[in-house]
Amino acid sequence: MKILQFTNFYPPPFAGTERYVTDLTANLVKRGHKVHIVYIPIIYTKERAAMKFEPLEGTTLAFIPDRLSFFKLYWEIKKFNPDVIHTHYLKTGLRAAIIAAY
């Protein structure tokens, strides 16, 4: 199954929604699903710059600049052609639902 996830910030900090997305994705990939994560990149502070992040094997990533999100979301949905869209961000989720309906 192809699963498209939208989240507000990625890579994950120490806890929160982004950590949940990472853990959920790891479990989905173990079960044999293809996962694509679309996110708004976080702004790195000095503390976060030291964090090393490698995307999970079996996943693909794409980021969206917030001001172009509708068009970027449209192309990500059409390009990935997911079976399931899972959103963790209300603003992005509403846009994704409108796009996926057409």
PDB file of N, CA and C in Angstrom:
ATOM      1  N   MET A   1       0.848  -1.171   0.000  1.00  0.00           N
ATOM      2  CA  MET A   1       0.000   0.000   0.000  1.00  0.00           C
ATOM      3  C   MET A   1       0.898   1.241   0.000  1.00  0.00           C
ATOM      4  N   LYS A   2       0.497   2.243  -0.718  1.00  0.00           N
ATOM      5  CA  LYS A   2       1.221   3.517  -0.769  1.00  0.00           C
ATOM      6  C   LYS A   2       0.528   4.518   0.156  1.00  0.00           C
ATOM      7  N   ILE A   3       1.300   5.016   1.127  1.00  0.00           N
ATOM      8  CA  ILE A   3       0.747   5.921   2.134  1.00  0.00           C
ATOM      9  C   ILE A   3       1.469   7.253   2.050  1.00  0.00           C
ATOM     10  N   LEU A   4       0.699   8.316   1.917  1.00  0.00           N
ATOM     11  CA  LEU A   4       1.231   9.670   1.864  1.00  0.00           C
ATOM     12  C   LEU A   4       0.910  10.348   3.195  1.00  0.00           C
ATOM     13  N   GLN A   5       1.953  10.822   3.888  1.00  0.00           N
ATOM     14  CA  GLN A   5       1.753  11.486   5.167  1.00  0.00           C
ATOM     15  C   GLN A   5       2.135  12.955   5.053  1.00  0.00           C
ATOM     16  N   PHE A   6       1.298  13.816   5.599  1.00  0.00           N
ATOM     17  CA  PHE A   6       1.588  15.242   5.685  1.00  0.00           C
ATOM     18  C   PHE A   6       1.814  15.582   7.150  1.00  0.00           C
ATOM     19  N   THR A   7       2.895  16.284   7.418  1.00  0.00           N
ATOM     20  CA  THR A   7       3.168  16.729   8.778  1.00  0.00           C
ATOM     21  C   THR A   7       3.693  18.148   8.725  1.00  0.00           C
ATOM     22  N   ASN A   8       3.585  18.839   9.841  1.00  0.00           N
ATOM     23  CA  ASN A   8       3.973  20.240   9.803  1.00  0.00           C
ATOM     24  C   ASN A   8       5.476  20.442   9.850  1.00  0.00           C
ATOM     25  N   PHE A   9       6.194  19.701  10.657  1.00  0.00           N
ATOM     26  CA  PHE A   9       7.638  19.888  10.728  1.00  0.00           C
ATOM     27  C   PHE A   9       8.345  18.537  10.694  1.00  0.00           C
ATOM     28  N   TYR A  10       9.485  18.505  10.098  1.00  0.00           N
ATOM     29  CA  TYR A  10      10.278  17.285   9.992  1.00  0.00           C
ATOM     30  C   TYR A  10      11.682  17.714   9.659  1.00  0.00           C
ATOM     31  N   PRO A  11      12.720  17.083  10.025  1.00  0.00           N
ATOM     32  CA  PRO A  11      12.815  15.850  10.789  1.00  0.00           C
ATOM     33  C   PRO A  11      12.372  16.040  12.233  1.00  0.00           C
ATOM     34  N   PRO A  12      12.191  14.924  12.916  1.00  0.00           N
ATOM     35  CA  PRO A  12      11.589  15.006  14.244  1.00  0.00           C
ATOM     36  C   PRO A  12      12.492  15.630  15.284  1.00  0.00           C
ATOM     37  N   PRO A  13      11.919  16.478  16.132  1.00  0.00           N
ATOM     38  CA  PRO A  13      12.643  16.874  17.329  1.00  0.00           C
ATOM     39  C   PRO A  13      12.540  15.729  18.331  1.00  0.00           C
ATOM     40  N   PHE A  14      12.645  16.015  19.570  1.00  0.00           N
ATOM     41  CA  PHE A  14      12.702  14.958  20.566  1.00  0.00           C
ATOM     42  C   PHE A  14      11.349  14.309  20.853  1.00  0.00           C
ATOM     43  N   ALA A  15      10.253  14.998  20.630  1.00  0.00           N
ATOM     44  CA  ALA A  15       8.935  14.442  20.941  1.00  0.00           C
ATOM     45  C   ALA A  15       7.899  15.141  20.079  1.00  0.00           C
ATOM     46  N   GLY A  16       6.646  14.789  20.262  1.00  0.00           N
ATOM     47  CA  GLY A  16       5.567  15.464  19.561  1.00  0.00           C
ATOM     48  C   GLY A  16       5.112  14.731  18.313  1.00  0.00           C
ATOM     49  N   THR A  17       4.345  15.445  17.505  1.00  0.00           N
ATOM     50  CA  THR A  17       3.760  14.870  16.306  1.00  0.00           C
ATOM     51  C   THR A  17       4.820  14.302  15.366  1.00  0.00           C
ATOM     52  N   GLU A  18       5.913  15.013  15.214  1.00  0.00           N
ATOM     53  CA  GLU A  18       6.944  14.582  14.285  1.00  0.00           C
ATOM     54  C   GLU A  18       7.582  13.268  14.727  1.00  0.00           C
ATOM     55  N   ARG A  19       7.750  13.100  16.020  1.00  0.00           N
ATOM     56  CA  ARG A  19       8.275  11.829  16.558  1.00  0.00           C
ATOM     57  C   ARG A  19       7.272  10.714  16.279  1.00  0.00           C
ATOM     58  N   TYR A  20       5.993  11.018  16.449  1.00  0.00           N
ATOM     59  CA  TYR A  20       4.937  10.038  16.174  1.00  0.00           C
ATOM     60  C   TYR A  20       4.967   9.626  14.697  1.00  0.00           C
ATOM     61  N   VAL A  21       5.114  10.606  13.809  1.00  0.00           N
ATOM     62  CA  VAL A  21       5.176  10.301  12.376  1.00  0.00           C
ATOM     63  C   VAL A  21       6.352   9.375  12.082  1.00  0.00           C
ATOM     64  N   THR A  22       7.493   9.625  12.705  1.00  0.00           N
ATOM     65  CA  THR A  22       8.670   8.785  12.500  1.00  0.00           C
ATOM     66  C   THR A  22       8.422   7.361  12.982  1.00  0.00           C
ATOM     67  N   ASP A  23       7.860   7.215  14.154  1.00  0.00           N
ATOM     68  CA  ASP A  23       7.591   5.882  14.699  1.00  0.00           C
ATOM     69  C   ASP A  23       6.532   5.146  13.879  1.00  0.00           C
ATOM     70  N   LEU A  24       5.477   5.850  13.504  1.00  0.00           N
ATOM     71  CA  LEU A  24       4.433   5.252  12.674  1.00  0.00           C
ATOM     72  C   LEU A  24       5.005   4.807  11.334  1.00  0.00           C
ATOM     73  N   THR A  25       5.815   5.658  10.722  1.00  0.00           N
ATOM     74  CA  THR A  25       6.417   5.333   9.435  1.00  0.00           C
ATOM     75  C   THR A  25       7.308   4.099   9.545  1.00  0.00           C
ATOM     76  N   ALA A  26       8.099   4.017  10.598  1.00  0.00           N
ATOM     77  CA  ALA A  26       8.973   2.853  10.798  1.00  0.00           C
ATOM     78  C   ALA A  26       8.158   1.563  10.852  1.00  0.00           C
ATOM     79  N   ASN A  27       7.032   1.597  11.560  1.00  0.00           N
ATOM     80  CA  ASN A  27       6.187   0.410  11.649  1.00  0.00           C
ATOM     81  C   ASN A  27       5.509   0.083  10.324  1.00  0.00           C
ATOM     82  N   LEU A  28       5.083   1.107   9.589  1.00  0.00           N
ATOM     83  CA  LEU A  28       4.446   0.868   8.295  1.00  0.00           C
ATOM     84  C   LEU A  28       5.431   0.263   7.289  1.00  0.00           C
ATOM     85  N   VAL A  29       6.656   0.769   7.292  1.00  0.00           N
ATOM     86  CA  VAL A  29       7.679   0.251   6.378  1.00  0.00           C
ATOM     87  C   VAL A  29       8.008  -1.203   6.713  1.00  0.00           C
ATOM     88  N   LYS A  30       8.065  -1.536   8.003  1.00  0.00           N
ATOM     89  CA  LYS A  30       8.319  -2.923   8.413  1.00  0.00           C
ATOM     90  C   LYS A  30       7.239  -3.867   7.895  1.00  0.00           C
ATOM     91  N   ARG A  31       6.040  -3.344   7.741  1.00  0.00           N
ATOM     92  CA  ARG A  31       4.917  -4.154   7.242  1.00  0.00           C
ATOM     93  C   ARG A  31       4.866  -4.204   5.716  1.00  0.00           C
ATOM     94  N   GLY A  32       5.815  -3.535   5.055  1.00  0.00           N
ATOM     95  CA  GLY A  32       5.909  -3.616   3.610  1.00  0.00           C
ATOM     96  C   GLY A  32       5.238  -2.499   2.837  1.00  0.00           C
ATOM     97  N   HIS A  33       4.818  -1.437   3.501  1.00  0.00           N
ATOM     98  CA  HIS A  33       4.164  -0.324   2.824  1.00  0.00           C
ATOM     99  C   HIS A  33       5.204   0.678   2.317  1.00  0.00           C
ATOM    100  N   LYS A  34       4.883   1.372   1.231  1.00  0.00           N
ATOM    101  CA  LYS A  34       5.692   2.494   0.753  1.00  0.00           C
ATOM    102  C   LYS A  34       5.139   3.759   1.389  1.00  0.00           C
ATOM    103  N   VAL A  35       6.015   4.557   1.984  1.00  0.00           N
ATOM    104  CA  VAL A  35       5.567   5.763   2.680  1.00  0.00           C
ATOM    105  C   VAL A  35       6.293   6.969   2.102  1.00  0.00           C
ATOM    106  N   HIS A  36       5.529   8.017   1.824  1.00  0.00           N
ATOM    107  CA  HIS A  36       6.078   9.286   1.344  1.00  0.00           C
ATOM    108  C   HIS A  36       5.647  10.350   2.342  1.00  0.00           C
ATOM    109  N   ILE A  37       6.605  11.115   2.872  1.00  0.00           N
ATOM    110  CA  ILE A  37       6.308  12.152   3.863  1.00  0.00           C
ATOM    111  C   ILE A  37       6.525  13.519   3.231  1.00  0.00           C
ATOM    112  N   VAL A  38       5.505  14.357   3.309  1.00  0.00           N
ATOM    113  CA  VAL A  38       5.601  15.740   2.840  1.00  0.00           C
ATOM    114  C   VAL A  38       5.547  16.620   4.082  1.00  0.00           C
ATOM    115  N   TYR A  39       6.493  17.551   4.204  1.00  0.00           N
ATOM    116  CA  TYR A  39       6.637  18.317   5.430  1.00  0.00           C
ATOM    117  C   TYR A  39       7.078  19.747   5.146  1.00  0.00           C
ATOM    118  N   ILE A  40       6.931  20.595   6.160  1.00  0.00           N
ATOM    119  CA  ILE A  40       7.477  21.943   6.150  1.00  0.00           C
ATOM    120  C   ILE A  40       8.765  21.868   6.965  1.00  0.00           C
ATOM    121  N   PRO A  41       9.918  22.179   6.405  1.00  0.00           N
ATOM    122  CA  PRO A  41      11.164  22.011   7.155  1.00  0.00           C
ATOM    123  C   PRO A  41      11.235  22.933   8.368  1.00  0.00           C
ATOM    124  N   ILE A  42      11.820  22.385   9.431  1.00  0.00           N
ATOM    125  CA  ILE A  42      11.971  23.193  10.643  1.00  0.00           C
ATOM    126  C   ILE A  42      13.160  24.135  10.480  1.00  0.00           C
ATOM    127  N   ILE A  43      13.121  25.212  11.225  1.00  0.00           N
ATOM    128  CA  ILE A  43      14.243  26.141  11.241  1.00  0.00           C
ATOM    129  C   ILE A  43      15.215  25.646  12.300  1.00  0.00           C
ATOM    130  N   TYR A  44      16.417  25.378  11.883  1.00  0.00           N
ATOM    131  CA  TYR A  44      17.397  24.829  12.814  1.00  0.00           C
ATOM    132  C   TYR A  44      18.013  25.906  13.689  1.00  0.00           C
ATOM    133  N   THR A  45      18.031  25.644  14.977  1.00  0.00           N
ATOM    134  CA  THR A  45      18.760  26.477  15.923  1.00  0.00           C
ATOM    135  C   THR A  45      20.132  25.835  16.112  1.00  0.00           C
ATOM    136  N   LYS A  46      21.001  26.452  16.874  1.00  0.00           N
ATOM    137  CA  LYS A  46      22.318  25.866  17.125  1.00  0.00           C
ATOM    138  C   LYS A  46      22.194  24.481  17.762  1.00  0.00           C
ATOM    139  N   GLU A  47      21.230  24.322  18.657  1.00  0.00           N
ATOM    140  CA  GLU A  47      21.047  23.030  19.320  1.00  0.00           C
ATOM    141  C   GLU A  47      20.599  21.961  18.337  1.00  0.00           C
ATOM    142  N   ARG A  48      19.702  22.327  17.451  1.00  0.00           N
ATOM    143  CA  ARG A  48      19.186  21.338  16.492  1.00  0.00           C
ATOM    144  C   ARG A  48      20.156  21.085  15.345  1.00  0.00           C
ATOM    145  N   ALA A  49      21.054  22.008  15.089  1.00  0.00           N
ATOM    146  CA  ALA A  49      22.015  21.813  14.006  1.00  0.00           C
ATOM    147  C   ALA A  49      22.901  20.606  14.278  1.00  0.00           C
ATOM    148  N   ALA A  50      23.101  20.280  15.542  1.00  0.00           N
ATOM    149  CA  ALA A  50      23.934  19.134  15.894  1.00  0.00           C
ATOM    150  C   ALA A  50      23.196  17.804  15.713  1.00  0.00           C
ATOM    151  N   MET A  51      21.863  17.859  15.568  1.00  0.00           N
ATOM    152  CA  MET A  51      21.093  16.630  15.394  1.00  0.00           C
ATOM    153  C   MET A  51      21.348  16.046  14.013  1.00  0.00           C
ATOM    154  N   LYS A  52      21.650  14.781  13.969  1.00  0.00           N
ATOM    155  CA  LYS A  52      21.844  14.086  12.702  1.00  0.00           C
ATOM    156  C   LYS A  52      20.554  13.337  12.384  1.00  0.00           C
ATOM    157  N   PHE A  53      20.116  13.431  11.151  1.00  0.00           N
ATOM    158  CA  PHE A  53      18.879  12.751  10.773  1.00  0.00           C
ATOM    159  C   PHE A  53      19.060  12.049   9.446  1.00  0.00           C
ATOM    160  N   GLU A  54      18.745  10.793   9.431  1.00  0.00           N
ATOM    161  CA  GLU A  54      18.736  10.012   8.203  1.00  0.00           C
ATOM    162  C   GLU A  54      17.301   9.563   7.970  1.00  0.00           C
ATOM    163  N   PRO A  55      16.777   9.751   6.762  1.00  0.00           N
ATOM    164  CA  PRO A  55      15.414   9.279   6.515  1.00  0.00           C
ATOM    165  C   PRO A  55      15.346   7.763   6.679  1.00  0.00           C
ATOM    166  N   LEU A  56      14.207   7.283   7.102  1.00  0.00           N
ATOM    167  CA  LEU A  56      14.021   5.854   7.274  1.00  0.00           C
ATOM    168  C   LEU A  56      14.107   5.148   5.931  1.00  0.00           C
ATOM    169  N   GLU A  57      14.716   3.977   5.928  1.00  0.00           N
ATOM    170  CA  GLU A  57      14.798   3.196   4.693  1.00  0.00           C
ATOM    171  C   GLU A  57      13.389   2.815   4.252  1.00  0.00           C
ATOM    172  N   GLY A  58      13.115   2.938   2.987  1.00  0.00           N
ATOM    173  CA  GLY A  58      11.791   2.631   2.464  1.00  0.00           C
ATOM    174  C   GLY A  58      10.854   3.828   2.428  1.00  0.00           C
ATOM    175  N   THR A  59      11.350   5.003   2.803  1.00  0.00           N
ATOM    176  CA  THR A  59      10.519   6.202   2.758  1.00  0.00           C
ATOM    177  C   THR A  59      11.126   7.213   1.799  1.00  0.00           C
ATOM    178  N   THR A  60      10.289   8.076   1.307  1.00  0.00           N
ATOM    179  CA  THR A  60      10.751   9.211   0.519  1.00  0.00           C
ATOM    180  C   THR A  60      10.225  10.470   1.192  1.00  0.00           C
ATOM    181  N   LEU A  61      10.952  11.560   0.990  1.00  0.00           N
ATOM    182  CA  LEU A  61      10.602  12.818   1.651  1.00  0.00           C
ATOM    183  C   LEU A  61      10.492  13.936   0.629  1.00  0.00           C
ATOM    184  N   ALA A  62       9.638  14.896   0.902  1.00  0.00           N
ATOM    185  CA  ALA A  62       9.536  16.122   0.111  1.00  0.00           C
ATOM    186  C   ALA A  62       9.108  17.228   1.058  1.00  0.00           C
ATOM    187  N   PHE A  63       9.650  18.410   0.861  1.00  0.00           N
ATOM    188  CA  PHE A  63       9.227  19.517   1.714  1.00  0.00           C
ATOM    189  C   PHE A  63       8.423  20.511   0.901  1.00  0.00           C
ATOM    190  N   ILE A  64       7.612  21.287   1.609  1.00  0.00           N
ATOM    191  CA  ILE A  64       6.809  22.319   0.956  1.00  0.00           C
ATOM    192  C   ILE A  64       7.070  23.654   1.619  1.00  0.00           C
ATOM    193  N   PRO A  65       7.400  24.655   0.834  1.00  0.00           N
ATOM    194  CA  PRO A  65       7.397  26.001   1.402  1.00  0.00           C
ATOM    195  C   PRO A  65       5.944  26.400   1.622  1.00  0.00           C
ATOM    196  N   ASP A  66       5.629  26.931   2.763  1.00  0.00           N
ATOM    197  CA  ASP A  66       4.233  27.169   3.140  1.00  0.00           C
ATOM    198  C   ASP A  66       3.490  28.046   2.139  1.00  0.00           C
ATOM    199  N   ARG A  67       4.149  29.015   1.544  1.00  0.00           N
ATOM    200  CA  ARG A  67       3.442  29.919   0.639  1.00  0.00           C
ATOM    201  C   ARG A  67       3.045  29.251  -0.677  1.00  0.00           C
ATOM    202  N   LEU A  68       3.669  28.130  -1.023  1.00  0.00           N
ATOM    203  CA  LEU A  68       3.334  27.416  -2.257  1.00  0.00           C
ATOM    204  C   LEU A  68       2.660  26.087  -1.971  1.00  0.00           C
ATOM    205  N   SER A  69       2.150  25.924  -0.773  1.00  0.00           N
ATOM    206  CA  SER A  69       1.724  24.601  -0.350  1.00  0.00           C
ATOM    207  C   SER A  69       0.604  23.997  -1.189  1.00  0.00           C
ATOM    208  N   PHE A  70      -0.359  24.786  -1.651  1.00  0.00           N
ATOM    209  CA  PHE A  70      -1.461  24.191  -2.411  1.00  0.00           C
ATOM    210  C   PHE A  70      -0.953  23.533  -3.684  1.00  0.00           C
ATOM    211  N   PHE A  71      -0.109  24.237  -4.420  1.00  0.00           N
ATOM    212  CA  PHE A  71       0.396  23.689  -5.677  1.00  0.00           C
ATOM    213  C   PHE A  71       1.349  22.516  -5.444  1.00  0.00           C
ATOM    214  N   LYS A  72       2.184  22.620  -4.421  1.00  0.00           N
ATOM    215  CA  LYS A  72       3.104  21.533  -4.092  1.00  0.00           C
ATOM    216  C   LYS A  72       2.328  20.305  -3.633  1.00  0.00           C
ATOM    217  N   LEU A  73       1.310  20.505  -2.817  1.00  0.00           N
ATOM    218  CA  LEU A  73       0.472  19.387  -2.381  1.00  0.00           C
ATOM    219  C   LEU A  73      -0.183  18.710  -3.570  1.00  0.00           C
ATOM    220  N   TYR A  74      -0.686  19.509  -4.487  1.00  0.00           N
ATOM    221  CA  TYR A  74      -1.335  18.964  -5.677  1.00  0.00           C
ATOM    222  C   TYR A  74      -0.382  18.040  -6.433  1.00  0.00           C
ATOM    223  N   TRP A  75       0.831  18.500  -6.679  1.00  0.00           N
ATOM    224  CA  TRP A  75       1.788  17.696  -7.444  1.00  0.00           C
ATOM    225  C   TRP A  75       2.261  16.473  -6.675  1.00  0.00           C
ATOM    226  N   GLU A  76       2.414  16.591  -5.370  1.00  0.00           N
ATOM    227  CA  GLU A  76       2.830  15.429  -4.574  1.00  0.00           C
ATOM    228  C   GLU A  76       1.748  14.348  -4.580  1.00  0.00           C
ATOM    229  N   ILE A  77       0.498  14.748  -4.449  1.00  0.00           N
ATOM    230  CA  ILE A  77      -0.602  13.773  -4.473  1.00  0.00           C
ATOM    231  C   ILE A  77      -0.693  13.114  -5.843  1.00  0.00           C
ATOM    232  N   LYS A  78      -0.641  13.900  -6.894  1.00  0.00           N
ATOM    233  CA  LYS A  78      -0.754  13.341  -8.242  1.00  0.00           C
ATOM    234  C   LYS A  78       0.456  12.487  -8.605  1.00  0.00           C
ATOM    235  N   LYS A  79       1.645  12.881  -8.170  1.00  0.00           N
ATOM    236  CA  LYS A  79       2.865  12.148  -8.502  1.00  0.00           C
ATOM    237  C   LYS A  79       2.940  10.815  -7.749  1.00  0.00           C
ATOM    238  N   PHE A  80       2.646  10.830  -6.443  1.00  0.00           N
ATOM    239  CA  PHE A  80       2.767   9.626  -5.626  1.00  0.00           C
ATOM    240  C   PHE A  80       1.573   8.698  -5.793  1.00  0.00           C
ATOM    241  N   ASN A  81       0.407   9.232  -6.133  1.00  0.00           N
ATOM    242  CA  ASN A  81      -0.827   8.469  -6.325  1.00  0.00           C
ATOM    243  C   ASN A  81      -1.070   7.510  -5.150  1.00  0.00           C
ATOM    244  N   PRO A  82      -1.283   8.056  -3.952  1.00  0.00           N
ATOM    245  CA  PRO A  82      -1.372   7.207  -2.757  1.00  0.00           C
ATOM    246  C   PRO A  82      -2.694   6.463  -2.632  1.00  0.00           C
ATOM    247  N   ASP A  83      -2.636   5.360  -1.902  1.00  0.00           N
ATOM    248  CA  ASP A  83      -3.852   4.644  -1.526  1.00  0.00           C
ATOM    249  C   ASP A  83      -4.481   5.291  -0.298  1.00  0.00           C
ATOM    250  N   VAL A  84      -3.631   5.836   0.581  1.00  0.00           N
ATOM    251  CA  VAL A  84      -4.086   6.457   1.823  1.00  0.00           C
ATOM    252  C   VAL A  84      -3.359   7.784   1.993  1.00  0.00           C
ATOM    253  N   ILE A  85      -4.091   8.813   2.410  1.00  0.00           N
ATOM    254  CA  ILE A  85      -3.488  10.087   2.785  1.00  0.00           C
ATOM    255  C   ILE A  85      -3.719  10.258   4.277  1.00  0.00           C
ATOM    256  N   HIS A  86      -2.631  10.421   5.012  1.00  0.00           N
ATOM    257  CA  HIS A  86      -2.699  10.582   6.464  1.00  0.00           C
ATOM    258  C   HIS A  86      -2.088  11.929   6.798  1.00  0.00           C
ATOM    259  N   THR A  87      -2.862  12.811   7.391  1.00  0.00           N
ATOM    260  CA  THR A  87      -2.368  14.152   7.668  1.00  0.00           C
ATOM    261  C   THR A  87      -2.309  14.419   9.165  1.00  0.00           C
ATOM    262  N   HIS A  88      -1.299  15.179   9.555  1.00  0.00           N
ATOM    263  CA  HIS A  88      -1.093  15.517  10.954  1.00  0.00           C
ATOM    264  C   HIS A  88      -1.111  17.029  11.146  1.00  0.00           C
ATOM    265  N   TYR A  89      -1.628  17.733  10.175  1.00  0.00           N
ATOM    266  CA  TYR A  89      -1.558  19.189  10.184  1.00  0.00           C
ATOM    267  C   TYR A  89      -2.841  19.700   9.559  1.00  0.00           C
ATOM    268  N   LEU A  90      -3.666  20.384  10.312  1.00  0.00           N
ATOM    269  CA  LEU A  90      -5.000  20.782   9.865  1.00  0.00           C
ATOM    270  C   LEU A  90      -4.978  21.580   8.570  1.00  0.00           C
ATOM    271  N   LYS A  91      -4.130  22.592   8.490  1.00  0.00           N
ATOM    272  CA  LYS A  91      -4.093  23.446   7.299  1.00  0.00           C
ATOM    273  C   LYS A  91      -3.757  22.630   6.047  1.00  0.00           C
ATOM    274  N   THR A  92      -2.751  21.801   6.136  1.00  0.00           N
ATOM    275  CA  THR A  92      -2.358  20.949   5.010  1.00  0.00           C
ATOM    276  C   THR A  92      -3.411  19.885   4.747  1.00  0.00           C
ATOM    277  N   GLY A  93      -3.993  19.355   5.813  1.00  0.00           N
ATOM    278  CA  GLY A  93      -4.987  18.308   5.665  1.00  0.00           C
ATOM    279  C   GLY A  93      -6.223  18.761   4.904  1.00  0.00           C
ATOM    280  N   LEU A  94      -6.696  19.965   5.184  1.00  0.00           N
ATOM    281  CA  LEU A  94      -7.849  20.489   4.458  1.00  0.00           C
ATOM    282  C   LEU A  94      -7.544  20.653   2.976  1.00  0.00           C
ATOM    283  N   ARG A  95      -6.370  21.175   2.692  1.00  0.00           N
ATOM    284  CA  ARG A  95      -5.976  21.334   1.280  1.00  0.00           C
ATOM    285  C   ARG A  95      -5.855  19.983   0.607  1.00  0.00           C
ATOM    286  N   ALA A  96      -5.261  19.010   1.279  1.00  0.00           N
ATOM    287  CA  ALA A  96      -5.088  17.681   0.706  1.00  0.00           C
ATOM    288  C   ALA A  96      -6.431  17.029   0.426  1.00  0.00           C
ATOM    289  N   ALA A  97      -7.390  17.198   1.325  1.00  0.00           N
ATOM    290  CA  ALA A  97      -8.715  16.617   1.129  1.00  0.00           C
ATOM    291  C   ALA A  97      -9.401  17.207  -0.088  1.00  0.00           C
ATOM    292  N   ILE A  98      -9.268  18.507  -0.276  1.00  0.00           N
ATOM    293  CA  ILE A  98      -9.866  19.164  -1.454  1.00  0.00           C
ATOM    294  C   ILE A  98      -9.208  18.645  -2.731  1.00  0.00           C
ATOM    295  N   ILE A  99      -7.904  18.564  -2.740  1.00  0.00           N
ATOM    296  CA  ILE A  99      -7.173  18.103  -3.934  1.00  0.00           C
ATOM    297  C   ILE A  99      -7.516  16.645  -4.234  1.00  0.00           C
ATOM    298  N   ALA A 100      -7.508  15.784  -3.213  1.00  0.00           N
ATOM    299  CA  ALA A 100      -7.751  14.367  -3.417  1.00  0.00           C
ATOM    300  C   ALA A 100      -9.169  14.086  -3.899  1.00  0.00           C
ATOM    301  N   ALA A 101     -10.091  14.979  -3.605  1.00  0.00           N
ATOM    302  CA  ALA A 101     -11.481  14.787  -4.031  1.00  0.00           C
ATOM    303  C   ALA A 101     -11.653  14.961  -5.534  1.00  0.00           C
ATOM    304  N   TYR A 102     -10.687  15.600  -6.170  1.00  0.00           N
ATOM    305  CA  TYR A 102     -10.813  15.854  -7.612  1.00  0.00           C
ATOM    306  C   TYR A 102      -9.901  15.008  -8.426  1.00  0.00           C
TER     307      TYR A 102
END
